[in-house]
Amino acid sequence: MASNLHDLPDSPCIGVCSTLFDDVCKGCGRMAGEVSNWVFLSDAEKLAIWERITREGTAMRFTRDKV
């Protein structure tokens, strides 16, 4: 996990959104509120979300390249 938000992509989004049907997006691992408010979150809040979704590692963002 990058220790600096600026070493990460602008957003965890991979374009496989499921937040209309799920509380947690299957593509990126963020909760619906985190997705919709992403642009308004502070750098510290974004980094905390990145750390959580990376630690959980269940979203397609983290599993799609694994064989």
N, C-alpha and C. Protein backbone atom coordinates (compact mmCIF):
# COMPACT_ATOMS: atom_id res chain seq x y z
N MET A 1 0.84 -1.18 0.00
CA MET A 1 0.00 0.00 0.00
C MET A 1 0.88 1.24 0.00
N ALA A 2 0.60 2.15 -0.88
CA ALA A 2 1.35 3.40 -0.93
C ALA A 2 1.08 4.20 0.33
N SER A 3 2.11 4.85 0.83
CA SER A 3 1.94 5.63 2.05
C SER A 3 1.48 7.05 1.74
N ASN A 4 1.44 7.42 0.48
CA ASN A 4 1.06 8.76 0.08
C ASN A 4 -0.09 8.65 -0.92
N LEU A 5 -1.16 9.39 -0.68
CA LEU A 5 -2.32 9.36 -1.56
C LEU A 5 -1.94 9.70 -2.99
N HIS A 6 -0.94 10.54 -3.16
CA HIS A 6 -0.57 10.99 -4.50
C HIS A 6 0.21 9.93 -5.28
N ASP A 7 0.56 8.82 -4.63
CA ASP A 7 1.18 7.69 -5.31
C ASP A 7 0.14 6.71 -5.84
N LEU A 8 -1.14 6.98 -5.58
CA LEU A 8 -2.24 6.10 -5.95
C LEU A 8 -3.04 6.70 -7.10
N PRO A 9 -3.85 5.89 -7.80
CA PRO A 9 -4.76 6.44 -8.81
C PRO A 9 -5.71 7.44 -8.16
N ASP A 10 -6.30 8.32 -8.96
CA ASP A 10 -7.23 9.33 -8.44
C ASP A 10 -8.39 8.73 -7.66
N SER A 11 -8.78 7.53 -8.05
CA SER A 11 -9.93 6.87 -7.44
C SER A 11 -9.72 5.35 -7.51
N PRO A 12 -10.29 4.61 -6.57
CA PRO A 12 -10.22 3.15 -6.64
C PRO A 12 -11.11 2.56 -7.74
N CYS A 13 -11.95 3.37 -8.37
CA CYS A 13 -12.91 2.89 -9.37
C CYS A 13 -12.21 2.19 -10.53
N ILE A 14 -12.77 1.05 -10.93
CA ILE A 14 -12.28 0.33 -12.12
C ILE A 14 -13.37 0.25 -13.18
N GLY A 15 -14.47 0.99 -12.99
CA GLY A 15 -15.54 1.03 -13.97
C GLY A 15 -16.47 -0.16 -13.95
N VAL A 16 -16.45 -0.92 -12.88
CA VAL A 16 -17.36 -2.06 -12.70
C VAL A 16 -18.18 -1.76 -11.45
N CYS A 17 -19.14 -0.86 -11.59
CA CYS A 17 -19.87 -0.36 -10.43
C CYS A 17 -21.08 -1.23 -10.10
N SER A 18 -21.30 -1.44 -8.82
CA SER A 18 -22.47 -2.19 -8.39
C SER A 18 -23.19 -1.49 -7.25
N THR A 19 -22.90 -0.20 -7.04
CA THR A 19 -23.46 0.49 -5.87
C THR A 19 -24.95 0.80 -6.01
N LEU A 20 -25.53 0.59 -7.18
CA LEU A 20 -26.98 0.75 -7.29
C LEU A 20 -27.70 -0.43 -6.66
N PHE A 21 -27.00 -1.56 -6.56
CA PHE A 21 -27.62 -2.78 -6.05
C PHE A 21 -26.98 -3.30 -4.77
N ASP A 22 -25.76 -2.87 -4.49
CA ASP A 22 -25.01 -3.38 -3.34
C ASP A 22 -24.58 -2.24 -2.43
N ASP A 23 -24.45 -2.53 -1.14
CA ASP A 23 -23.93 -1.53 -0.20
C ASP A 23 -22.45 -1.29 -0.42
N VAL A 24 -21.74 -2.33 -0.85
CA VAL A 24 -20.31 -2.24 -1.13
C VAL A 24 -20.09 -2.58 -2.59
N CYS A 25 -19.39 -1.72 -3.30
CA CYS A 25 -19.15 -1.94 -4.73
C CYS A 25 -18.26 -3.16 -4.94
N LYS A 26 -18.69 -4.05 -5.82
CA LYS A 26 -17.91 -5.25 -6.11
C LYS A 26 -16.67 -4.93 -6.92
N GLY A 27 -16.67 -3.79 -7.62
CA GLY A 27 -15.52 -3.40 -8.42
C GLY A 27 -14.37 -2.82 -7.61
N CYS A 28 -14.69 -1.86 -6.73
CA CYS A 28 -13.61 -1.16 -6.02
C CYS A 28 -13.58 -1.43 -4.51
N GLY A 29 -14.67 -1.91 -3.95
CA GLY A 29 -14.69 -2.21 -2.52
C GLY A 29 -15.15 -1.07 -1.63
N ARG A 30 -15.48 0.07 -2.23
CA ARG A 30 -15.97 1.19 -1.42
C ARG A 30 -17.46 1.06 -1.15
N MET A 31 -17.90 1.66 -0.04
CA MET A 31 -19.32 1.72 0.27
C MET A 31 -19.96 2.78 -0.63
N ALA A 32 -21.26 2.65 -0.86
CA ALA A 32 -21.97 3.56 -1.76
C ALA A 32 -21.74 5.02 -1.40
N GLY A 33 -21.78 5.36 -0.12
CA GLY A 33 -21.55 6.73 0.30
C GLY A 33 -20.13 7.22 0.01
N GLU A 34 -19.18 6.32 0.10
CA GLU A 34 -17.79 6.67 -0.20
C GLU A 34 -17.62 6.94 -1.69
N VAL A 35 -18.32 6.16 -2.52
CA VAL A 35 -18.26 6.37 -3.97
C VAL A 35 -18.87 7.73 -4.32
N SER A 36 -20.06 7.99 -3.82
CA SER A 36 -20.77 9.22 -4.20
C SER A 36 -20.15 10.48 -3.63
N ASN A 37 -19.43 10.37 -2.54
CA ASN A 37 -18.82 11.55 -1.92
C ASN A 37 -17.31 11.64 -2.12
N TRP A 38 -16.73 10.78 -2.93
CA TRP A 38 -15.28 10.69 -3.08
C TRP A 38 -14.62 12.05 -3.33
N VAL A 39 -15.19 12.84 -4.23
CA VAL A 39 -14.57 14.12 -4.59
C VAL A 39 -14.58 15.13 -3.44
N PHE A 40 -15.43 14.90 -2.45
CA PHE A 40 -15.54 15.82 -1.33
C PHE A 40 -14.72 15.40 -0.11
N LEU A 41 -14.16 14.19 -0.14
CA LEU A 41 -13.40 13.67 1.00
C LEU A 41 -12.02 14.30 1.08
N SER A 42 -11.51 14.41 2.28
CA SER A 42 -10.15 14.92 2.48
C SER A 42 -9.14 13.84 2.04
N ASP A 43 -7.90 14.25 1.85
CA ASP A 43 -6.86 13.29 1.51
C ASP A 43 -6.73 12.20 2.57
N ALA A 44 -6.85 12.58 3.83
CA ALA A 44 -6.74 11.62 4.92
C ALA A 44 -7.88 10.59 4.86
N GLU A 45 -9.08 11.06 4.56
CA GLU A 45 -10.23 10.15 4.45
C GLU A 45 -10.05 9.20 3.26
N LYS A 46 -9.59 9.73 2.13
CA LYS A 46 -9.36 8.90 0.96
C LYS A 46 -8.29 7.84 1.23
N LEU A 47 -7.21 8.25 1.88
CA LEU A 47 -6.14 7.31 2.18
C LEU A 47 -6.63 6.21 3.12
N ALA A 48 -7.45 6.58 4.09
CA ALA A 48 -8.00 5.57 5.01
C ALA A 48 -8.87 4.56 4.25
N ILE A 49 -9.63 5.03 3.28
CA ILE A 49 -10.46 4.13 2.47
C ILE A 49 -9.57 3.23 1.63
N TRP A 50 -8.56 3.81 0.98
CA TRP A 50 -7.62 3.00 0.20
C TRP A 50 -6.99 1.91 1.06
N GLU A 51 -6.59 2.27 2.26
CA GLU A 51 -5.96 1.30 3.16
C GLU A 51 -6.93 0.18 3.52
N ARG A 52 -8.19 0.54 3.81
CA ARG A 52 -9.18 -0.47 4.17
C ARG A 52 -9.48 -1.41 3.02
N ILE A 53 -9.74 -0.87 1.83
CA ILE A 53 -10.11 -1.74 0.72
C ILE A 53 -8.93 -2.60 0.27
N THR A 54 -7.72 -2.08 0.43
CA THR A 54 -6.53 -2.88 0.10
C THR A 54 -6.36 -4.00 1.11
N ARG A 55 -6.55 -3.69 2.37
CA ARG A 55 -6.43 -4.70 3.43
C ARG A 55 -7.48 -5.80 3.25
N GLU A 56 -8.70 -5.40 2.94
CA GLU A 56 -9.77 -6.39 2.72
C GLU A 56 -9.49 -7.21 1.47
N GLY A 57 -9.07 -6.56 0.40
CA GLY A 57 -8.65 -7.22 -0.82
C GLY A 57 -9.69 -8.08 -1.52
N THR A 58 -10.97 -7.84 -1.29
CA THR A 58 -12.00 -8.70 -1.87
C THR A 58 -12.62 -8.14 -3.15
N ALA A 59 -12.44 -6.87 -3.42
CA ALA A 59 -13.03 -6.25 -4.61
C ALA A 59 -12.33 -6.73 -5.87
N MET A 60 -13.03 -6.64 -6.99
CA MET A 60 -12.46 -7.04 -8.28
C MET A 60 -11.16 -6.30 -8.58
N ARG A 61 -11.03 -5.08 -8.09
CA ARG A 61 -9.80 -4.31 -8.29
C ARG A 61 -8.59 -5.11 -7.84
N PHE A 62 -8.75 -5.91 -6.81
CA PHE A 62 -7.63 -6.65 -6.22
C PHE A 62 -7.61 -8.12 -6.63
N THR A 63 -8.71 -8.63 -7.17
CA THR A 63 -8.77 -10.06 -7.48
C THR A 63 -8.79 -10.38 -8.97
N ARG A 64 -9.05 -9.43 -9.83
CA ARG A 64 -9.24 -9.72 -11.24
C ARG A 64 -8.00 -10.23 -11.96
N ASP A 65 -6.81 -9.89 -11.49
CA ASP A 65 -5.59 -10.34 -12.15
C ASP A 65 -5.01 -11.61 -11.54
N LYS A 66 -5.62 -12.09 -10.45
CA LYS A 66 -5.13 -13.30 -9.81
C LYS A 66 -5.65 -14.53 -10.54
N VAL A 67 -4.82 -15.50 -10.67
CA VAL A 67 -5.23 -16.73 -11.36
C VAL A 67 -5.46 -17.83 -10.35
